[in-house]
């Protein structure tokens, strides 16, 4: 069929993409380029490498463009090449040619550097309170954006969990912390709690268990000082936050001196009230919190906690600061509906929220279903990874929904929080009446189904299902 559109001419917005799953040494890796929102439909893709790769190992494939209800087009091209070639110092480029512009884009092979973390759980206080907190420290890992989850007696726990921002350590690896609020009753009943750290690029989940029987009543660990960054939700939504300093494993809390320094006032020292917490193993923890405002955190100011105690040979210093990913860039949110094929063949379908072009990398994403929050455990996010050729980041989030809910007109909202946004939060909502319907141009009716199947297979399955199963690296290039 032939579709007539009144949309204005537009140059393509381009996204290089790459698989995040590391193939076997003799396998192939998929790279791709997605061009969106262009008109007229005259885009072409040309791949090259420098130095040149043998043509028998350099396998490009371009798929037919499709048109949306908005009247603009989506085109895509894929490149398969051996994983071994991706590890060499080759430069891969794809030229996107359109009547309004021609530009060559670098497509970066993923960095597969992997370092598993050390996971520790700090013991709860002994005071007779109704609730107590477990603190999980996940330190020294790569890549960034590890996922930290909790379980109780091997069953997932989603309530009472607070995960803090990831920070960069002195070795250029990453550290994050998560706390779990539990009841005294569960602790006394000897429930087993597990902190789990995972990442799509790790070949295993790193865990640490704790329960009342496992607490070493007479074993004393070394004193440890931990810096805890504020959560991004606190920075963006509460308009106030704090950086924290946790001192764990003291034989006695007496004569412990905790002071703070900040890079904006290097000659000043700050002190704040701190809390003494007795641990189950007979040691003590002390936590000191320094209040800050969002502007101070976003300016990359350094906050340093200095701990002095007789059990420490020298004062222990821990610096906490935000690591920006470059200039401030607002995220753009694209909400993709389920495919018609999935709707007709499955009981559940996938909604995908693409958040692209934002900087710095700190961002939170939530889903709502008919205006109500969706539990974190019901959706999954890819990593926030740097776009090729610029200083912005992109990510995907995937939500599984029931076909029945979709057909009944339920609404689904992707909510994004980022410091660049005017109100710190932005969102996109989709339902059955607002979904984008893709129409194939200039083909006979008899051929439209097969051509749509070919195009949608690449755009939806390649970009979402195939790559998403192992994580997706998404880049926006201007």
Protein backbone atom coordinates (compact mmCIF):
# COMPACT_ATOMS: atom_id res chain seq x y z
CA UNK A 1 0.00 0.00 0.00
CA UNK A 2 1.05 3.64 -0.39
CA UNK A 3 0.89 6.04 2.54
CA UNK A 4 0.55 9.79 2.05
CA UNK A 5 1.95 11.95 4.82
CA UNK A 6 1.95 15.68 5.55
CA UNK A 7 4.87 15.49 8.00
CA UNK A 8 7.71 17.97 7.58
CA UNK A 9 11.05 16.93 6.11
CA UNK A 10 13.45 15.87 8.86
CA UNK A 11 17.00 14.56 9.12
CA UNK A 12 17.48 11.25 10.97
CA UNK A 13 18.35 10.91 14.64
CA UNK A 14 20.93 8.14 14.82
CA UNK A 15 21.65 5.51 17.50
CA UNK A 16 24.62 3.15 17.17
CA UNK A 17 23.93 0.00 19.23
CA UNK A 18 26.02 -2.95 20.31
CA UNK A 19 25.44 -6.26 22.07
CA UNK A 20 26.44 -6.28 25.73
CA UNK A 21 26.83 -10.07 25.88
CA UNK A 22 30.39 -11.28 25.44
CA UNK A 23 30.48 -14.02 22.79
CA UNK A 24 32.85 -16.95 22.68
CA UNK A 25 36.34 -16.20 21.33
CA UNK A 26 35.42 -17.75 17.95
CA UNK A 27 31.93 -16.19 17.82
CA UNK A 28 30.49 -13.11 16.15
CA UNK A 29 29.29 -9.87 17.69
CA UNK A 30 26.39 -7.71 16.48
CA UNK A 31 26.74 -3.99 15.95
CA UNK A 32 23.91 -1.88 14.59
CA UNK A 33 22.75 1.57 13.61
CA UNK A 34 19.18 2.79 14.08
CA UNK A 35 18.03 5.92 12.23
CA UNK A 36 14.72 7.40 13.42
CA UNK A 37 12.31 10.27 12.71
CA UNK A 38 13.50 11.00 9.16
CA UNK A 39 11.60 12.13 6.06
CA UNK A 40 11.64 11.51 3.13
CA UNK A 41 12.37 7.80 3.04
CA UNK A 42 15.73 7.93 1.27
CA UNK A 43 18.24 6.90 3.92
CA UNK A 44 21.16 4.57 3.12
CA UNK A 45 23.87 2.95 5.27
CA UNK A 46 27.50 2.24 4.32
CA UNK A 47 29.83 0.39 6.70
CA UNK A 48 33.63 0.52 6.70
CA UNK A 49 36.55 -0.25 8.99
CA UNK A 50 40.00 1.27 9.40
CA UNK A 51 42.23 -0.61 8.96
CA UNK A 52 40.17 -2.65 6.54
CA UNK A 53 38.75 -5.99 7.73
CA UNK A 54 38.53 -8.94 5.33
CA UNK A 55 35.22 -8.71 3.41
CA UNK A 56 34.40 -12.33 4.27
CA UNK A 57 34.43 -11.37 7.97
CA UNK A 58 32.66 -8.01 7.59
CA UNK A 59 28.95 -8.78 7.13
CA UNK A 60 26.61 -5.76 6.88
CA UNK A 61 22.85 -6.04 6.34
CA UNK A 62 20.34 -3.21 5.88
CA UNK A 63 16.63 -3.69 6.60
CA UNK A 64 13.61 -2.00 4.95
CA UNK A 65 12.44 1.27 6.47
CA UNK A 66 9.02 1.52 8.10
CA UNK A 67 6.75 4.52 8.66
CA UNK A 68 4.92 5.39 11.87
CA UNK A 69 1.60 7.11 12.45
CA UNK A 70 3.57 10.35 12.94
CA UNK A 71 4.61 10.15 9.31
CA UNK A 72 8.35 9.76 9.87
CA UNK A 73 10.50 6.72 9.13
CA UNK A 74 12.71 4.29 10.99
CA UNK A 75 15.60 2.58 9.22
CA UNK A 76 18.20 0.15 10.51
CA UNK A 77 21.39 -1.62 9.52
CA UNK A 78 23.29 -4.42 11.23
CA UNK A 79 26.93 -5.49 11.08
CA UNK A 80 28.22 -8.91 12.12
CA UNK A 81 31.93 -9.31 12.66
CA UNK A 82 34.13 -11.74 14.59
CA UNK A 83 34.57 -11.00 18.26
CA UNK A 84 38.34 -11.25 17.77
CA UNK A 85 38.20 -8.31 15.33
CA UNK A 86 36.32 -6.25 17.92
CA UNK A 87 39.21 -6.72 20.34
CA UNK A 88 41.73 -5.32 17.86
CA UNK A 89 42.37 -1.56 17.50
CA UNK A 90 39.95 -1.32 14.57
CA UNK A 91 37.76 1.71 13.99
CA UNK A 92 34.26 0.84 12.79
CA UNK A 93 32.21 3.51 11.00
CA UNK A 94 28.80 3.68 9.35
CA UNK A 95 27.86 6.47 6.96
CA UNK A 96 24.21 7.48 7.07
CA UNK A 97 23.19 9.27 3.89
CA UNK A 98 19.94 11.23 3.68
CA UNK A 99 18.74 13.96 1.32
CA UNK A 100 19.03 16.51 4.16
CA UNK A 101 22.44 15.43 5.49
CA UNK A 102 25.22 12.87 5.22
CA UNK A 103 27.28 11.95 8.26
CA UNK A 104 29.61 9.16 9.30
CA UNK A 105 29.22 7.75 12.83
CA UNK A 106 31.68 5.73 14.89
CA UNK A 107 30.27 2.48 16.28
CA UNK A 108 32.20 1.38 19.34
CA UNK A 109 32.76 -2.24 20.29
CA UNK A 110 31.72 -2.77 23.93
CA UNK A 111 34.31 -2.73 26.71
CA UNK A 112 34.11 -6.14 28.36
CA UNK A 113 36.34 -5.36 31.35
CA UNK A 114 34.82 -7.22 34.31
CA UNK A 115 35.76 -7.11 37.99
CA UNK A 116 33.52 -8.90 40.47
CA UNK A 117 32.78 -7.06 43.71
CA UNK A 118 33.41 -7.89 47.31
CA UNK A 119 30.06 -8.02 49.12
CA UNK A 120 29.78 -7.46 52.88
CA UNK A 121 26.79 -7.16 55.22
CA UNK A 122 27.03 -5.13 58.40
CA UNK A 123 25.30 -6.51 61.45
CA UNK A 124 22.21 -4.97 62.99
CA UNK A 125 22.10 -3.12 66.27
CA UNK A 126 21.29 -4.95 69.48
CA UNK A 127 18.97 -2.35 70.96
CA UNK A 128 15.39 -3.52 71.46
CA UNK A 129 13.75 -1.55 68.67
CA UNK A 130 10.90 -2.73 66.45
CA UNK A 131 12.91 -2.32 63.24
CA UNK A 132 16.61 -2.72 62.48
CA UNK A 133 18.70 -2.10 59.35
CA UNK A 134 21.09 -4.34 57.49
CA UNK A 135 23.68 -2.56 55.35
CA UNK A 136 25.22 -4.25 52.30
CA UNK A 137 28.49 -2.89 50.91
CA UNK A 138 29.28 -3.82 47.28
CA UNK A 139 32.76 -2.58 46.44
CA UNK A 140 35.47 -2.69 43.79
CA UNK A 141 33.43 -3.76 40.75
CA UNK A 142 33.28 -3.02 37.04
CA UNK A 143 31.34 -2.16 34.91
CA UNK A 144 29.23 0.46 36.69
CA UNK A 145 25.56 0.11 37.60
CA UNK A 146 25.50 -3.23 39.38
CA UNK A 147 22.05 -4.32 40.52
CA UNK A 148 21.71 -4.97 44.26
CA UNK A 149 18.76 -7.03 45.52
CA UNK A 150 17.74 -8.59 48.85
CA UNK A 151 16.00 -11.80 49.77
CA UNK A 152 14.55 -13.27 52.96
CA UNK A 153 14.66 -17.04 53.27
CA UNK A 154 15.41 -17.21 49.52
CA UNK A 155 12.33 -15.14 48.62
CA UNK A 156 12.78 -11.69 46.99
CA UNK A 157 12.23 -8.66 49.23
CA UNK A 158 11.14 -5.37 47.62
CA UNK A 159 9.95 -3.31 50.57
CA UNK A 160 12.23 -1.54 53.00
CA UNK A 161 15.10 -1.45 50.48
CA UNK A 162 17.15 1.71 49.89
CA UNK A 163 20.04 1.65 47.40
CA UNK A 164 22.42 4.58 47.23
CA UNK A 165 24.28 6.16 44.33
CA UNK A 166 27.31 4.38 42.88
CA UNK A 167 30.64 6.12 43.49
CA UNK A 168 34.07 5.78 41.90
CA UNK A 169 36.92 4.65 44.16
CA UNK A 170 40.61 5.51 44.00
CA UNK A 171 41.27 2.49 41.75
CA UNK A 172 38.69 3.65 39.18
CA UNK A 173 36.35 0.83 40.21
CA UNK A 174 32.87 1.30 41.60
CA UNK A 175 31.23 0.95 45.01
CA UNK A 176 27.61 1.11 46.11
CA UNK A 177 25.64 0.43 49.28
CA UNK A 178 22.14 -0.81 49.97
CA UNK A 179 20.17 -1.07 53.21
CA UNK A 180 17.28 -3.34 54.17
CA UNK A 181 14.85 -2.46 56.96
CA UNK A 182 13.70 -5.63 58.76
CA UNK A 183 11.64 -6.37 61.83
CA UNK A 184 13.19 -7.40 65.11
CA UNK A 185 10.78 -10.33 65.12
CA UNK A 186 12.17 -11.70 61.82
CA UNK A 187 15.73 -11.31 63.09
CA UNK A 188 14.98 -13.12 66.34
CA UNK A 189 13.21 -15.92 64.43
CA UNK A 190 16.53 -16.59 62.70
CA UNK A 191 15.34 -15.62 59.22
CA UNK A 192 18.14 -15.71 56.66
CA UNK A 193 18.77 -12.53 54.66
CA UNK A 194 20.83 -12.38 51.49
CA UNK A 195 22.33 -9.41 49.63
CA UNK A 196 22.88 -10.18 45.94
CA UNK A 197 24.96 -8.12 43.49
CA UNK A 198 24.55 -8.83 39.79
CA UNK A 199 25.37 -7.34 36.44
CA UNK A 200 24.52 -8.48 32.89
CA UNK A 201 28.24 -8.83 32.13
CA UNK A 202 29.12 -10.89 35.19
CA UNK A 203 29.05 -14.64 34.82
CA UNK A 204 27.81 -15.06 38.38
CA UNK A 205 25.82 -13.32 41.09
CA UNK A 206 27.91 -12.36 44.12
CA UNK A 207 26.03 -12.93 47.38
CA UNK A 208 26.43 -12.56 51.11
CA UNK A 209 24.15 -14.18 53.70
CA UNK A 210 23.43 -13.20 57.26
CA UNK A 211 21.11 -14.42 59.99
CA UNK A 212 21.17 -14.36 63.76
CA UNK A 213 22.77 -17.83 64.10
CA UNK A 214 25.51 -16.84 61.64
CA UNK A 215 26.64 -13.83 63.64
CA UNK A 216 30.13 -14.61 65.04
CA UNK A 217 29.55 -13.66 68.64
CA UNK A 218 33.21 -13.48 69.60
CA UNK A 219 34.88 -12.76 66.24
CA UNK A 220 35.99 -9.17 65.78
CA UNK A 221 36.57 -7.73 62.34
CA UNK A 222 38.93 -4.91 61.41
CA UNK A 223 37.61 -1.39 61.75
CA UNK A 224 36.23 -0.17 58.44
CA UNK A 225 35.23 3.33 57.34
CA UNK A 226 32.66 3.56 54.54
CA UNK A 227 31.51 6.62 52.64
CA UNK A 228 27.87 6.56 51.49
CA UNK A 229 26.66 8.85 48.71
CA UNK A 230 23.14 10.34 48.71
CA UNK A 231 20.45 8.60 46.71
CA UNK A 232 19.51 10.24 43.42
CA UNK A 233 15.86 10.29 44.54
CA UNK A 234 16.81 12.34 47.60
CA UNK A 235 18.80 14.77 45.49
CA UNK A 236 16.05 15.29 42.92
CA UNK A 237 12.81 14.89 44.86
CA UNK A 238 13.51 15.76 48.48
CA UNK A 239 15.60 18.84 47.60
CA UNK A 240 17.91 17.91 50.46
CA UNK A 241 20.11 14.96 51.27
CA UNK A 242 23.17 13.91 53.20
CA UNK A 243 26.47 12.15 52.71
CA UNK A 244 27.18 9.56 55.37
CA UNK A 245 30.23 8.09 57.04
CA UNK A 246 29.85 4.65 58.63
CA UNK A 247 32.55 3.43 61.03
CA UNK A 248 32.15 -0.29 61.67
CA UNK A 249 33.85 -2.72 64.07
CA UNK A 250 34.95 -0.49 66.96
CA UNK A 251 35.72 -2.27 70.21
CA UNK A 252 34.48 0.83 72.02
CA UNK A 253 32.68 3.93 70.73
CA UNK A 254 34.42 6.11 73.29
CA UNK A 255 36.89 8.76 72.17
CA UNK A 256 35.89 8.38 68.54
CA UNK A 257 36.25 11.68 66.72
CA UNK A 258 34.51 12.18 63.37
CA UNK A 259 34.95 15.44 61.48
CA UNK A 260 34.10 16.55 57.96
CA UNK A 261 35.90 18.71 55.43
CA UNK A 262 34.66 20.11 52.14
CA UNK A 263 36.66 21.25 49.15
CA UNK A 264 34.87 24.62 48.96
CA UNK A 265 36.07 25.55 52.45
CA UNK A 266 39.39 23.73 52.88
CA UNK A 267 40.38 25.57 56.07
CA UNK A 268 37.19 24.69 57.94
CA UNK A 269 36.27 21.56 59.85
CA UNK A 270 32.68 20.49 60.45
CA UNK A 271 31.18 18.25 63.11
CA UNK A 272 27.69 16.79 63.31
CA UNK A 273 25.90 14.63 65.89
CA UNK A 274 26.50 10.94 65.24
CA UNK A 275 24.72 7.77 66.26
CA UNK A 276 26.37 4.93 68.20
CA UNK A 277 25.06 1.48 67.25
CA UNK A 278 26.02 -1.69 69.16
CA UNK A 279 26.55 -4.66 66.85
CA UNK A 280 25.57 -8.27 67.55
CA UNK A 281 29.23 -9.38 67.65
CA UNK A 282 30.06 -7.07 70.55
CA UNK A 283 31.59 -4.29 68.46
CA UNK A 284 30.11 -0.87 67.76
CA UNK A 285 29.28 1.15 64.68
CA UNK A 286 29.10 4.91 64.44
CA UNK A 287 27.36 6.79 61.66
CA UNK A 288 27.79 10.51 60.97
CA UNK A 289 25.69 12.38 58.41
CA UNK A 290 26.59 15.68 56.78
CA UNK A 291 23.60 17.54 55.31
CA UNK A 292 24.07 18.86 51.78
CA UNK A 293 21.89 20.46 49.13
CA UNK A 294 21.56 19.31 45.50
CA UNK A 295 23.60 22.23 44.12
CA UNK A 296 26.58 21.24 46.25
CA UNK A 297 26.44 17.59 45.13
CA UNK A 298 25.94 18.49 41.46
CA UNK A 299 28.92 20.84 41.52
CA UNK A 300 31.21 17.83 42.21
CA UNK A 301 32.27 19.28 45.53
CA UNK A 302 34.30 16.83 47.61
CA UNK A 303 33.13 15.85 51.09
CA UNK A 304 35.75 14.13 53.24
CA UNK A 305 35.07 12.20 56.43
CA UNK A 306 38.02 12.02 58.87
CA UNK A 307 37.84 9.36 61.59
CA UNK A 308 40.19 9.27 64.59
CA UNK A 309 40.13 6.42 67.11
CA UNK A 310 42.60 4.53 69.26
CA UNK A 311 42.06 1.38 67.15
CA UNK A 312 43.24 3.22 64.02
CA UNK A 313 47.02 3.74 63.68
CA UNK A 314 46.42 6.93 61.68
CA UNK A 315 43.30 8.97 60.95
CA UNK A 316 41.16 7.30 58.29
CA UNK A 317 39.93 9.59 55.47
CA UNK A 318 37.13 8.78 53.00
CA UNK A 319 36.15 11.22 50.26
CA UNK A 320 32.68 11.23 48.70
CA UNK A 321 31.90 13.16 45.52
CA UNK A 322 29.71 13.05 42.48
CA UNK A 323 31.29 12.06 39.19
CA UNK A 324 29.59 13.86 36.34
CA UNK A 325 29.58 12.38 32.85
CA UNK A 326 30.08 15.72 31.10
CA UNK A 327 27.88 18.68 30.31
CA UNK A 328 24.26 18.76 31.43
CA UNK A 329 21.96 17.18 28.81
CA UNK A 330 18.25 16.47 29.16
CA UNK A 331 17.04 12.91 28.56
CA UNK A 332 14.64 12.16 25.75
CA UNK A 333 12.10 9.44 26.52
CA UNK A 334 10.79 7.09 23.84
CA UNK A 335 8.11 4.59 24.88
CA UNK A 336 7.73 1.60 22.51
CA UNK A 337 4.47 -0.39 22.40
CA UNK A 338 4.24 -4.17 22.05
CA UNK A 339 4.28 -5.63 18.55
CA UNK A 340 1.05 -6.82 16.98
CA UNK A 341 2.61 -10.28 16.59
CA UNK A 342 3.29 -10.55 20.32
CA UNK A 343 -0.21 -9.29 21.14
CA UNK A 344 -1.77 -12.05 19.09
CA UNK A 345 0.52 -14.88 20.21
CA UNK A 346 1.30 -14.28 23.88
CA UNK A 347 -0.39 -13.77 27.24
CA UNK A 348 2.23 -11.20 28.21
CA UNK A 349 4.00 -8.57 26.12
CA UNK A 350 6.84 -6.11 26.60
CA UNK A 351 6.82 -2.33 26.87
CA UNK A 352 10.22 -0.73 26.39
CA UNK A 353 11.23 2.71 27.60
CA UNK A 354 14.30 4.16 25.88
CA UNK A 355 15.94 7.06 27.71
CA UNK A 356 18.60 8.66 25.54
CA UNK A 357 21.03 11.52 25.31
CA UNK A 358 21.31 12.44 29.02
CA UNK A 359 24.29 13.61 31.04
CA UNK A 360 25.50 13.04 33.71
CA UNK A 361 24.77 9.33 34.14
CA UNK A 362 22.91 9.55 37.48
CA UNK A 363 19.23 8.97 36.65
CA UNK A 364 16.33 7.05 38.14
CA UNK A 365 13.52 5.36 36.23
CA UNK A 366 10.16 4.15 37.55
CA UNK A 367 7.04 2.66 35.98
CA UNK A 368 3.40 3.36 36.83
CA UNK A 369 0.41 1.23 35.86
CA UNK A 370 -2.86 3.20 35.77
CA UNK A 371 -1.18 5.82 37.95
CA UNK A 372 0.04 3.37 40.62
CA UNK A 373 3.76 2.59 41.14
CA UNK A 374 5.02 -0.70 39.70
CA UNK A 375 7.31 -2.62 42.12
CA UNK A 376 10.97 -2.52 41.12
CA UNK A 377 11.11 -6.30 40.85
CA UNK A 378 8.58 -6.30 37.98
CA UNK A 379 10.81 -4.48 35.47
CA UNK A 380 14.45 -4.60 34.49
CA UNK A 381 16.89 -1.94 33.31
CA UNK A 382 19.98 -2.05 31.15
CA UNK A 383 23.15 -0.28 32.17
CA UNK A 384 23.63 3.44 31.72
CA UNK A 385 26.38 3.48 29.14
CA UNK A 386 28.17 6.33 27.43
CA UNK A 387 27.13 7.17 23.89
CA UNK A 388 29.68 6.93 21.12
CA UNK A 389 31.28 10.19 20.08
CA UNK A 390 29.83 12.45 22.78
CA UNK A 391 29.36 12.88 26.51
CA UNK A 392 25.81 11.61 26.92
CA UNK A 393 24.31 8.33 28.14
CA UNK A 394 21.41 6.05 27.20
CA UNK A 395 19.53 3.13 28.72
CA UNK A 396 16.52 0.84 28.23
CA UNK A 397 13.92 -0.38 30.71
CA UNK A 398 11.65 -3.34 29.99
CA UNK A 399 8.24 -3.94 31.60
CA UNK A 400 6.29 -7.15 31.10
CA UNK A 401 2.51 -6.58 31.06
CA UNK A 402 -0.56 -8.74 30.52
CA UNK A 403 -2.14 -8.63 27.08
CA UNK A 404 -5.52 -8.43 28.83
CA UNK A 405 -4.50 -5.19 30.57
CA UNK A 406 -3.28 -3.71 27.29
CA UNK A 407 -6.46 -4.65 25.41
CA UNK A 408 -8.59 -3.20 28.24
CA UNK A 409 -7.00 0.21 27.77
CA UNK A 410 -4.77 0.32 30.85
CA UNK A 411 -2.19 3.10 30.80
CA UNK A 412 1.52 2.64 31.47
CA UNK A 413 3.89 5.47 32.33
CA UNK A 414 7.68 5.61 32.23
CA UNK A 415 8.90 8.19 34.76
CA UNK A 416 12.45 9.52 34.59
CA UNK A 417 14.30 11.65 37.13
CA UNK A 418 17.36 13.64 36.10
CA UNK A 419 18.96 16.85 37.30
CA UNK A 420 18.78 18.48 33.85
CA UNK A 421 14.97 18.41 33.73
CA UNK A 422 13.07 21.58 34.58
CA UNK A 423 11.13 19.90 37.40
CA UNK A 424 13.70 17.09 37.84
CA UNK A 425 11.12 14.57 36.59
CA UNK A 426 9.60 13.84 33.18
CA UNK A 427 7.38 11.04 31.93
CA UNK A 428 5.75 9.42 28.90
CA UNK A 429 2.45 7.50 29.00
CA UNK A 430 1.19 4.92 26.54
CA UNK A 431 -1.96 2.84 26.14
CA UNK A 432 -3.66 0.96 23.34
CA UNK A 433 -5.23 4.10 21.85
CA UNK A 434 -1.94 6.00 21.71
CA UNK A 435 0.42 3.29 20.43
CA UNK A 436 2.44 3.98 17.28
CA UNK A 437 1.19 1.96 14.28
CA UNK A 438 3.92 1.27 11.74
CA UNK A 439 2.85 1.21 8.08
CA UNK A 440 5.04 -0.05 5.24
CA UNK A 441 5.23 2.27 2.23
CA UNK A 442 5.17 1.41 -1.47
CA UNK A 443 4.56 -2.35 -1.32
CA UNK A 444 1.71 -4.46 -2.54
CA UNK A 445 -0.84 -5.59 0.03
CA UNK A 446 0.16 -9.22 -0.46
CA UNK A 447 3.76 -8.42 0.39
CA UNK A 448 3.15 -6.06 3.29
CA UNK A 449 2.93 -8.74 5.97
CA UNK A 450 6.22 -10.37 5.02
CA UNK A 451 8.04 -7.05 4.70
CA UNK A 452 6.67 -5.81 8.01
CA UNK A 453 7.77 -9.08 9.59
CA UNK A 454 11.31 -8.60 8.25
CA UNK A 455 11.58 -4.98 9.37
CA UNK A 456 9.98 -5.44 12.76
CA UNK A 457 12.05 -8.53 13.43
CA UNK A 458 15.20 -6.44 13.25
CA UNK A 459 13.92 -3.30 14.92
CA UNK A 460 12.01 -4.98 17.72
CA UNK A 461 13.65 -8.37 18.16
CA UNK A 462 17.23 -7.36 17.36
CA UNK A 463 17.18 -4.18 19.40
CA UNK A 464 15.02 -5.44 22.26
CA UNK A 465 14.75 -9.21 22.52
CA UNK A 466 18.08 -10.43 21.14
CA UNK A 467 20.28 -7.79 22.69
CA UNK A 468 18.13 -7.11 25.72
CA UNK A 469 18.37 -10.68 26.91
CA UNK A 470 21.99 -9.96 27.75
CA UNK A 471 21.75 -6.19 28.15
CA UNK A 472 21.92 -3.47 25.49
CA UNK A 473 24.44 -0.72 24.92
CA UNK A 474 22.62 2.24 23.35
CA UNK A 475 24.28 5.38 22.08
CA UNK A 476 22.80 8.62 20.80
CA UNK A 477 24.89 10.58 18.32
CA UNK A 478 24.09 14.11 17.31
